[in-house]
Protein backbone atom coordinates (compact mmCIF):
# COMPACT_ATOMS: atom_id res chain seq x y z
CA MET A 1 36.57 20.12 22.57
CA LYS A 2 36.43 17.39 25.20
CA THR A 3 33.31 18.97 26.75
CA LYS A 4 31.56 19.03 23.36
CA LEU A 5 32.45 15.38 22.79
CA ILE A 6 31.01 14.40 26.17
CA ILE A 7 27.78 16.31 25.45
CA PHE A 8 27.52 14.67 22.02
CA LEU A 9 28.02 11.18 23.48
CA CYS A 10 25.41 11.87 26.14
CA LEU A 11 22.89 12.96 23.49
CA ILE A 12 23.57 9.85 21.39
CA GLY A 13 23.21 7.71 24.49
CA GLY A 14 19.89 9.34 25.28
CA ILE A 15 18.60 8.74 21.76
CA LEU A 16 19.67 5.09 21.80
CA LYS A 17 18.07 4.61 25.21
CA ALA A 18 14.84 6.15 23.90
CA GLN A 19 14.88 3.70 21.00
CA ASP A 20 14.50 0.85 23.53
CA ARG A 21 11.32 2.32 25.03
CA PRO A 22 8.17 0.88 23.42
CA LEU A 23 5.48 3.11 21.93
CA GLN A 24 1.80 2.93 22.80
CA PHE A 25 -0.77 1.69 20.26
CA TYR A 26 1.92 1.15 17.64
CA ARG A 27 2.63 -1.28 14.79
CA PRO A 28 6.29 -2.39 14.72
CA ASN A 29 8.27 -2.00 11.48
CA ASN A 30 9.62 -5.55 11.73
CA GLN A 31 8.37 -9.15 11.91
CA GLN A 32 6.33 -8.32 15.01
CA GLY A 33 4.09 -6.11 12.85
CA ILE A 34 2.98 -8.93 10.53
CA ASN A 35 -0.78 -9.56 10.51
CA THR A 36 -1.37 -6.35 12.43
CA PHE A 37 -4.09 -4.25 10.84
CA GLU A 38 -5.47 -1.25 12.72
CA THR A 39 -3.54 -0.84 15.98
CA SER A 40 -4.86 -2.55 19.10
CA LYS A 41 -6.71 -0.79 21.92
CA LYS A 42 -4.86 -2.87 24.52
CA ASP A 43 -3.43 -0.32 26.95
CA THR A 44 -0.43 -2.33 28.15
CA ILE A 45 2.41 0.21 27.92
CA PRO A 46 2.59 2.97 30.56
CA PHE A 47 3.40 6.50 29.41
CA SER A 48 6.85 7.57 30.56
CA GLY A 49 7.31 10.93 28.85
CA LEU A 50 8.17 12.12 25.36
CA ASN A 51 9.53 9.19 23.35
CA VAL A 52 11.08 9.49 19.87
CA LYS A 53 11.71 6.43 17.74
CA ILE A 54 13.74 6.75 14.53
CA GLY A 55 13.19 3.75 12.26
CA GLY A 56 13.62 2.80 8.66
CA ASN A 57 13.20 0.26 5.90
CA PHE A 58 15.62 -0.78 3.18
CA ASP A 59 15.33 -3.34 0.41
CA MET A 60 17.52 -4.74 -2.36
CA THR A 61 15.94 -6.78 -5.14
CA PHE A 62 17.39 -9.02 -7.84
CA GLN A 63 15.17 -9.45 -10.90
CA SER A 64 15.19 -12.19 -13.51
CA LEU A 65 12.06 -11.69 -15.63
CA ARG A 66 11.27 -12.25 -19.31
CA ALA A 67 8.36 -10.63 -21.20
CA HIS A 68 6.63 -11.39 -24.51
CA ASN A 69 3.70 -10.02 -26.52
CA ARG A 70 1.92 -10.50 -29.89
CA ALA A 71 1.02 -6.86 -30.65
CA LEU A 72 1.19 -5.66 -34.26
CA PRO A 73 4.12 -3.37 -35.11
CA LEU A 74 3.25 0.29 -34.66
CA THR A 75 5.08 3.56 -35.27
CA ARG A 76 4.43 6.86 -33.51
CA ASP A 77 5.62 10.41 -34.11
CA GLY A 78 8.57 11.34 -31.93
CA TYR A 79 9.80 7.76 -31.50
CA THR A 80 12.10 5.60 -33.61
CA GLY A 81 11.03 2.11 -34.63
CA ASN A 82 8.22 -0.11 -33.39
CA VAL A 83 6.65 1.29 -30.21
CA ASN A 84 5.01 -2.11 -29.59
CA SER A 85 8.38 -3.83 -29.29
CA LEU A 86 9.07 -4.77 -25.66
CA MET A 87 12.24 -3.96 -23.81
CA LYS A 88 14.79 -6.77 -23.71
CA LEU A 89 15.22 -7.73 -20.07
CA THR A 90 18.18 -9.36 -18.38
CA GLU A 91 19.15 -10.42 -14.87
CA GLY A 92 20.21 -7.65 -12.54
CA PHE A 93 19.66 -5.64 -9.39
CA GLU A 94 16.95 -3.01 -9.23
CA LEU A 95 17.32 0.43 -7.70
CA PRO A 96 17.29 -0.12 -3.89
CA MET A 97 14.48 1.63 -2.05
CA ALA A 98 14.55 3.11 1.46
CA ASN A 99 12.11 4.70 3.90
CA LEU A 100 12.67 6.86 6.97
CA ASN A 101 10.12 6.50 9.78
CA VAL A 102 9.80 8.92 12.70
CA ASP A 103 7.35 7.95 15.44
CA VAL A 104 6.87 10.11 18.51
CA GLN A 105 4.91 9.44 21.70
CA LEU A 106 3.74 12.99 22.43
CA ALA A 107 1.51 12.31 25.42
CA ASP A 108 -0.29 9.46 27.10
CA GLY A 109 -2.24 7.80 24.26
CA VAL A 110 -1.15 10.38 21.69
CA ARG A 111 1.30 9.33 18.96
CA MET A 112 2.62 10.96 15.79
CA ASN A 113 4.09 9.38 12.66
CA LEU A 114 6.07 10.90 9.79
CA THR A 115 7.27 8.69 6.91
CA SER A 116 9.57 9.75 4.07
CA TYR A 117 10.71 7.92 0.96
CA LEU A 118 14.49 8.36 0.84
CA ALA A 119 14.80 6.70 -2.57
CA THR A 120 12.26 4.87 -4.71
CA ARG A 121 11.76 3.89 -8.32
CA HIS A 122 9.07 6.52 -8.89
CA HIS A 123 10.87 9.30 -7.00
CA GLU A 124 14.61 8.80 -6.74
CA ASP A 125 14.95 11.86 -4.51
CA THR A 126 13.62 12.16 -0.96
CA TRP A 127 9.88 12.77 -0.70
CA VAL A 128 7.64 13.02 2.34
CA LYS A 129 5.06 10.25 2.07
CA GLY A 130 2.83 11.67 4.78
CA GLY A 131 2.14 11.72 8.47
CA TYR A 132 -0.61 11.64 11.05
CA ILE A 133 -1.43 12.11 14.70
CA GLN A 134 -3.30 9.31 16.46
CA PHE A 135 -5.38 9.77 19.61
CA ASP A 136 -6.19 6.71 21.69
CA LYS A 137 -6.64 8.94 24.72
CA LEU A 138 -7.46 12.64 25.20
CA PRO A 139 -5.61 13.40 28.46
CA PHE A 140 -5.51 17.17 27.85
CA LEU A 141 -9.31 17.42 28.23
CA HIS A 142 -9.13 16.18 31.85
CA ASN A 143 -12.59 14.62 31.68
CA GLU A 144 -13.37 11.22 33.21
CA LEU A 145 -16.32 10.56 30.90
CA ILE A 146 -14.21 11.24 27.78
CA ASP A 147 -11.44 9.08 29.23
CA ALA A 148 -13.92 6.21 29.59
CA ILE A 149 -15.29 6.72 26.05
CA MET A 150 -11.80 6.76 24.53
CA LYS A 151 -11.15 3.24 25.83
CA SER A 152 -13.22 2.13 22.81
CA PHE A 153 -12.30 4.83 20.26
CA THR A 154 -9.29 5.78 18.13
CA ILE A 155 -8.98 9.03 16.15
CA ARG A 156 -6.43 9.48 13.36
CA ILE A 157 -5.88 12.81 11.56
CA GLY A 158 -3.35 13.76 8.88
CA GLN A 159 -2.24 12.97 5.34
CA THR A 160 -1.89 9.24 5.51
CA ASP A 161 -2.96 5.90 4.02
CA ILE A 162 -6.68 5.77 3.38
CA ASP A 163 -7.98 2.77 5.35
CA TYR A 164 -9.89 1.26 2.45
CA GLY A 165 -9.74 -2.53 2.51
CA ASP A 166 -7.24 -4.65 4.42
CA GLN A 167 -4.73 -5.27 1.63
CA HIS A 168 -2.92 -1.97 2.23
CA TYR A 169 -1.79 -3.36 5.60
CA ARG A 170 0.01 -6.19 3.76
CA ARG A 171 1.45 -4.34 0.76
CA THR A 172 5.00 -3.36 -0.07
CA ASP A 173 5.53 0.38 0.44
CA GLY A 174 8.81 1.57 -1.06
CA GLY A 175 11.60 0.12 1.06
CA ASN A 176 9.12 -1.44 3.50
CA THR A 177 8.57 -5.01 2.26
CA ILE A 178 8.44 -6.62 5.71
CA TYR A 179 4.66 -7.12 5.85
CA ASN A 180 4.34 -8.56 2.32
CA PRO A 181 5.08 -12.29 1.85
CA PHE A 182 5.45 -11.57 -1.88
CA VAL A 183 7.58 -9.08 -3.82
CA GLU A 184 4.80 -7.04 -5.46
CA ASN A 185 1.35 -5.74 -4.56
CA TYR A 186 -1.96 -6.49 -6.22
CA ILE A 187 -2.42 -5.89 -9.95
CA MET A 188 -4.92 -3.15 -9.06
CA ASP A 189 -3.11 -1.51 -6.14
CA GLU A 190 -5.46 0.35 -3.80
CA PHE A 191 -3.27 2.88 -2.05
CA ALA A 192 -3.41 6.64 -1.60
CA THR A 193 -2.38 9.24 0.96
CA GLU A 194 -5.05 11.90 1.39
CA ILE A 195 -5.73 14.62 3.95
CA GLY A 196 -8.50 13.54 6.28
CA ALA A 197 -9.63 11.94 9.50
CA GLU A 198 -10.78 8.49 10.60
CA ILE A 199 -12.64 7.48 13.75
CA TYR A 200 -12.65 3.86 14.96
CA TYR A 201 -14.94 2.17 17.43
CA HIS A 202 -13.68 -1.10 18.97
CA HIS A 203 -15.97 -3.47 20.85
CA PRO A 204 -14.58 -6.14 23.20
CA SER A 205 -16.42 -8.81 21.16
CA GLY A 206 -14.08 -8.17 18.21
CA ILE A 207 -16.53 -6.07 16.20
CA PHE A 208 -15.23 -2.70 15.03
CA LEU A 209 -16.44 0.22 12.91
CA MET A 210 -14.61 3.00 11.11
CA GLY A 211 -15.81 6.15 9.39
CA GLY A 212 -13.55 8.49 7.46
CA ILE A 213 -13.57 11.65 5.37
CA SER A 214 -10.79 12.99 3.15
CA ASN A 215 -10.12 15.56 0.45
CA GLY A 216 -10.00 12.87 -2.27
CA GLU A 217 -6.63 14.10 -3.55
CA LEU A 218 -3.00 13.06 -3.28
CA ASP A 219 -1.90 16.62 -4.14
CA PRO A 220 -4.23 19.14 -2.44
CA VAL A 221 -5.48 22.05 -4.53
CA VAL A 222 -7.13 25.35 -3.60
CA ASN A 223 -7.53 26.90 -7.05
CA LYS A 224 -11.04 26.78 -8.52
CA SER A 225 -11.46 24.41 -11.46
CA THR A 226 -12.10 25.66 -15.00
CA LYS A 227 -12.73 22.18 -16.45
CA ILE A 228 -16.21 21.02 -17.46
CA ASP A 229 -17.50 17.70 -16.17
CA ALA A 230 -18.87 15.83 -19.19
CA ALA A 231 -21.46 14.01 -17.07
CA THR A 232 -23.03 17.14 -15.56
CA GLY A 233 -22.11 19.83 -18.08
CA GLU A 234 -21.02 22.03 -15.18
CA THR A 235 -17.68 23.31 -13.94
CA ASN A 236 -15.92 20.57 -12.02
CA ARG A 237 -16.13 20.74 -8.23
CA TYR A 238 -14.00 19.09 -5.60
CA SER A 239 -16.25 17.19 -3.24
CA PRO A 240 -15.01 15.30 -0.16
CA ALA A 241 -14.43 11.55 -0.29
CA PHE A 242 -15.98 9.23 2.27
CA HIS A 243 -14.84 5.79 3.33
CA GLY A 244 -15.77 3.30 5.98
CA LYS A 245 -15.20 -0.18 7.29
CA ILE A 246 -17.04 -2.73 9.39
CA GLY A 247 -15.33 -5.83 10.65
CA PHE A 248 -14.93 -8.64 13.10
CA ASP A 249 -11.47 -9.66 14.34
CA LYS A 250 -11.17 -12.31 17.02
CA GLN A 251 -8.42 -14.54 18.38
CA VAL A 252 -10.83 -17.40 19.06
CA ASN A 253 -8.23 -19.46 20.91
CA SER A 254 -4.45 -19.80 21.00
CA ASP A 255 -4.47 -21.55 17.60
CA PHE A 256 -7.21 -19.85 15.58
CA ARG A 257 -7.90 -16.26 14.52
CA ILE A 258 -10.62 -15.00 12.18
CA ARG A 259 -11.02 -11.54 10.66
CA LEU A 260 -13.78 -10.52 8.26
CA THR A 261 -14.18 -6.96 6.97
CA GLY A 262 -16.16 -4.98 4.44
CA SER A 263 -15.18 -1.48 3.34
CA PHE A 264 -16.04 1.22 0.84
CA TYR A 265 -14.63 4.41 -0.68
CA THR A 266 -16.83 6.87 -2.56
CA LEU A 267 -16.14 10.17 -4.31
CA ASN A 268 -18.41 12.03 -6.74
CA SER A 269 -15.92 14.48 -8.25
CA ALA A 270 -12.27 15.37 -7.90
CA ASN A 271 -9.40 17.29 -9.42
CA ASN A 272 -7.39 14.07 -9.83
CA ASN A 273 -8.21 11.09 -7.65
CA THR A 274 -5.43 8.50 -7.30
CA LEU A 275 -6.91 5.67 -5.23
CA PHE A 276 -5.51 3.19 -7.78
CA GLY A 277 -2.42 5.19 -8.71
CA GLY A 278 -1.26 6.98 -5.57
CA ASP A 279 1.91 4.98 -4.95
CA ARG A 280 4.89 7.33 -5.07
CA ALA A 281 7.31 4.39 -4.75
CA GLY A 282 6.45 2.38 -7.85
CA SER A 283 6.29 -1.29 -8.80
CA HIS A 284 8.96 -3.80 -7.81
CA TYR A 285 8.69 -5.43 -11.25
CA PHE A 286 11.00 -3.13 -13.20
CA ASN A 287 10.38 -2.36 -16.92
CA VAL A 288 8.18 -5.37 -17.71
CA MET A 289 5.80 -4.92 -20.66
CA GLN A 290 7.36 -1.55 -21.54
CA SER A 291 8.19 -0.22 -25.00
CA GLN A 292 11.87 0.00 -25.82
CA ALA A 293 11.26 2.83 -28.30
CA ILE A 294 9.35 4.95 -25.77
CA TYR A 295 11.85 4.14 -23.01
CA ASP A 296 14.73 5.38 -25.20
CA VAL A 297 13.06 8.81 -25.36
CA ASP A 298 11.11 9.15 -22.11
CA GLY A 299 13.07 6.89 -19.73
CA ASP A 300 11.07 4.87 -17.17
CA TYR A 301 7.78 6.33 -18.40
CA THR A 302 5.58 3.94 -16.42
CA PRO A 303 6.97 3.20 -12.94
CA PHE A 304 3.91 1.02 -12.23
CA SER A 305 4.77 -1.82 -14.62
CA GLY A 306 2.84 -5.02 -13.95
CA ARG A 307 -0.08 -3.11 -12.39
CA LEU A 308 -3.37 -1.79 -13.76
CA ASN A 309 -4.80 1.64 -12.97
CA PRO A 310 -8.44 1.74 -14.20
CA GLY A 311 -8.26 5.53 -14.47
CA PHE A 312 -11.08 6.60 -12.15
CA THR A 313 -9.70 10.12 -11.69
CA GLU A 314 -13.01 12.05 -11.54
CA GLU A 315 -15.49 9.74 -9.86
CA VAL A 316 -14.96 6.48 -7.98
CA HIS A 317 -17.20 4.15 -5.97
CA THR A 318 -15.55 1.00 -4.75
CA TYR A 319 -16.22 -1.82 -2.30
CA MET A 320 -13.97 -4.51 -0.88
CA GLY A 321 -14.46 -7.60 1.24
CA ASN A 322 -11.53 -9.30 3.03
CA LEU A 323 -11.26 -12.58 4.89
CA PHE A 324 -8.25 -13.48 7.03
CA LEU A 325 -7.94 -16.88 8.69
CA LYS A 326 -4.99 -18.13 10.70
CA TYR A 327 -4.83 -21.61 12.18
CA LYS A 328 -1.48 -22.20 13.85
CA GLY A 329 1.04 -21.50 11.04
CA LEU A 330 -1.45 -21.67 8.16
CA GLU A 331 -2.90 -18.38 6.88
CA PHE A 332 -5.44 -17.43 4.23
CA PHE A 333 -6.05 -13.87 3.09
CA GLY A 334 -8.74 -13.25 0.48
CA THR A 335 -9.98 -10.18 -1.37
CA ALA A 336 -13.06 -9.46 -3.49
CA GLU A 337 -13.41 -5.97 -4.94
CA ASP A 338 -15.93 -4.13 -7.11
CA ALA A 339 -14.85 -0.69 -8.36
CA ARG A 340 -16.68 1.75 -10.64
CA GLY A 341 -15.65 5.18 -11.86
CA ARG A 342 -14.76 7.48 -14.73
CA THR A 343 -12.62 10.36 -15.94
CA ILE A 344 -13.89 13.92 -16.30
CA THR A 345 -14.42 13.46 -20.05
CA GLU A 346 -16.66 10.39 -19.63
CA THR A 347 -20.40 10.47 -18.98
CA VAL A 348 -20.92 6.99 -17.51
CA ASN A 349 -19.00 4.88 -15.05
CA ARG A 350 -16.87 1.91 -16.05
CA LYS A 351 -16.39 -1.20 -13.94
CA SER A 352 -13.39 -3.15 -12.65
CA ASN A 353 -13.41 -6.30 -10.53
CA GLN A 354 -10.51 -7.80 -8.63
CA TYR A 355 -10.14 -11.08 -6.77
CA ALA A 356 -7.11 -12.39 -4.92
CA GLY A 357 -6.18 -15.14 -2.51
CA ASP A 358 -2.98 -15.72 -0.50
CA LEU A 359 -2.22 -19.04 1.17
CA ILE A 360 0.77 -18.84 3.52
CA TYR A 361 2.31 -21.47 5.76
CA ARG A 362 4.68 -20.15 8.43
CA PHE A 363 6.97 -22.49 10.36
CA PRO A 364 8.31 -23.76 12.73
CA ALA A 365 5.67 -23.47 15.45
CA ASN A 366 6.00 -20.59 17.94
CA LYS A 367 8.72 -18.95 15.84
CA GLU A 368 7.36 -18.82 12.27
CA ASN A 369 10.51 -17.33 10.79
CA PHE A 370 10.14 -19.34 7.54
CA TRP A 371 7.21 -19.38 5.15
CA LEU A 372 5.91 -20.88 1.93
CA GLY A 373 3.28 -18.92 0.02
CA ALA A 374 1.03 -18.99 -3.05
CA ARG A 375 -1.04 -16.16 -4.52
CA TYR A 376 -3.56 -15.92 -7.33
CA ASN A 377 -4.74 -12.46 -8.43
CA THR A 378 -7.10 -11.64 -11.30
CA VAL A 379 -8.58 -8.38 -12.61
CA LYS A 380 -11.30 -7.83 -15.19
CA ALA A 381 -11.79 -4.24 -16.25
CA ALA A 382 -13.52 -1.97 -18.75
CA LEU A 383 -10.91 0.59 -19.79
CA LYS A 384 -11.47 3.96 -21.42
CA GLY A 385 -11.37 3.68 -25.21
CA TYR A 386 -11.56 -0.15 -25.28
CA SER A 387 -14.53 -1.88 -26.91
CA SER A 388 -14.42 -4.93 -24.63
CA ASP A 389 -13.18 -5.89 -21.18
CA ILE A 390 -9.58 -6.87 -20.55
CA THR A 391 -8.32 -9.47 -18.07
CA ILE A 392 -5.00 -9.76 -16.24
CA ASN A 393 -4.09 -12.89 -14.28
CA ARG A 394 -1.14 -13.37 -11.95
CA ALA A 395 0.10 -16.47 -10.13
CA ALA A 396 3.00 -16.26 -7.69
CA GLY A 397 4.78 -18.56 -5.28
CA SER A 398 7.18 -17.47 -2.56
CA PHE A 399 9.63 -18.78 -0.01
CA GLY A 400 10.90 -16.54 2.79
CA TRP A 401 13.08 -16.42 5.86
CA PHE A 402 13.33 -13.98 8.76
CA LEU A 403 16.99 -14.18 9.76
CA SER A 404 16.00 -12.02 12.74
CA LYS A 405 12.89 -9.99 13.51
CA ASN A 406 14.46 -7.10 11.53
CA ILE A 407 16.07 -8.93 8.57
CA MET A 408 14.10 -10.76 5.89
CA ALA A 409 14.91 -12.54 2.62
CA LYS A 410 12.38 -13.91 0.13
CA MET A 411 12.29 -15.48 -3.31
CA GLU A 412 9.30 -15.39 -5.65
CA TYR A 413 8.33 -17.01 -8.92
CA VAL A 414 5.71 -14.98 -10.80
CA SER A 415 3.73 -15.53 -14.01
CA GLN A 416 1.39 -12.84 -15.36
CA ASN A 417 -0.82 -12.91 -18.49
CA TYR A 418 -2.77 -10.22 -20.35
CA LYS A 419 -5.96 -11.05 -22.26
CA GLY A 420 -8.48 -9.09 -24.31
CA TYR A 421 -6.22 -6.23 -25.39
CA PRO A 422 -6.58 -5.11 -29.04
CA VAL A 423 -3.87 -6.18 -31.51
CA SER A 424 -2.60 -2.58 -31.73
CA ASP A 425 -1.95 -2.45 -27.96
CA ILE A 426 1.50 -3.34 -26.62
CA LEU A 427 -0.14 -5.61 -24.03
CA ASN A 428 -1.86 -7.77 -26.66
CA GLY A 429 -0.96 -11.40 -25.93
CA GLY A 430 1.35 -10.13 -23.22
CA LYS A 431 2.95 -12.25 -20.55
CA PHE A 432 5.94 -12.12 -18.25
CA ARG A 433 7.41 -14.60 -15.82
CA GLY A 434 10.51 -15.30 -13.84
CA ILE A 435 12.28 -15.13 -10.50
CA MET A 436 12.58 -12.30 -7.97
CA ILE A 437 14.91 -12.34 -4.95
CA GLU A 438 14.60 -9.66 -2.29
CA ALA A 439 16.30 -8.80 0.98
CA SER A 440 14.75 -6.30 3.37
CA ILE A 441 15.51 -4.63 6.69
CA GLY A 442 12.95 -2.99 8.96
CA PHE A 443 13.47 -1.41 12.38
């Protein structure tokens, strides 16, 4: 028994010691990972053998929101009462969310990631989010020319976040809220995990390029489709999706950084594309603008409350421009997006536009463990079955504090308004507003 205890303590000691060893070409899961986008090509950490890092994220959120609408009363078979009557909200804690992160340094310049959702609003049980292998070097090829080329290239392969736009680097992802100065993501949340590969080229000037290909699906399928595409009149086919990015990212001097990127994602046909609905964690605004009558029967029937999915499940062509400026503690992050797409039963593409701007001030100098923030986010979209465009506007202000590099607390005031919805729609004249308080741990 004593021998087993000694072996166990030695193993635990080895794991804890490994946790202190840094990983190569890696984004930390704590405050140090803020304003990191694609990982750097700076080769500053020597390889010292197989290195396993077990990390995680956990958040607890207190919600105090109120919602209103002006929709006409409506009844529906299977439900009791007015399905356009909103849920009555009160103050309370939401379901805590947690992630498990496993990162492994497999070889010099070769790293693997596996992330699982331990508990989220959308999936309360444990689900594997995805994983990838990243090559910043190819040491197993033993070729000096390839070694020299790889000083400028990064290759990522797996089922992982599609690198479309820069906002997904700043979003809340289940229990991981460390990178987001606000509680929620954009109204139109561009996030999906798909099987594919991405190749990056980094130039010392700060210019970089990325090209990627994926299967265009969150849930891969191998069975042949029997559905007919209304636009072509032919049996639906599953074509690959392509995405790319071009950008410039430069720390001009010790005080000023500029980053400007343009990106696209395009897919001609799919079984069920989820670029705007691929989040398996769900919104952090619980039950806002939801029907009490439908909730009584179906439970939390829309875990994405407060967001808009334009429904481009068959075809999608979308473009995004991002600007990031940081001068000392003052940051600006802006987004302009044009998205077009359709479902399999539609013959022409619809259009959605999104604009957003974040203004963040982090202080004090050289530490930046406090911040004040303001965000404005607006979406205008043509939705299936609607005769005119709808608009959703959100304004939010936040105050946050990093107690340590791994512990964060933030408070947000949010106000969101819905315009252009027909009087028979539950979102007609809709609005919600209130306070959110969130604590988060990342390591």
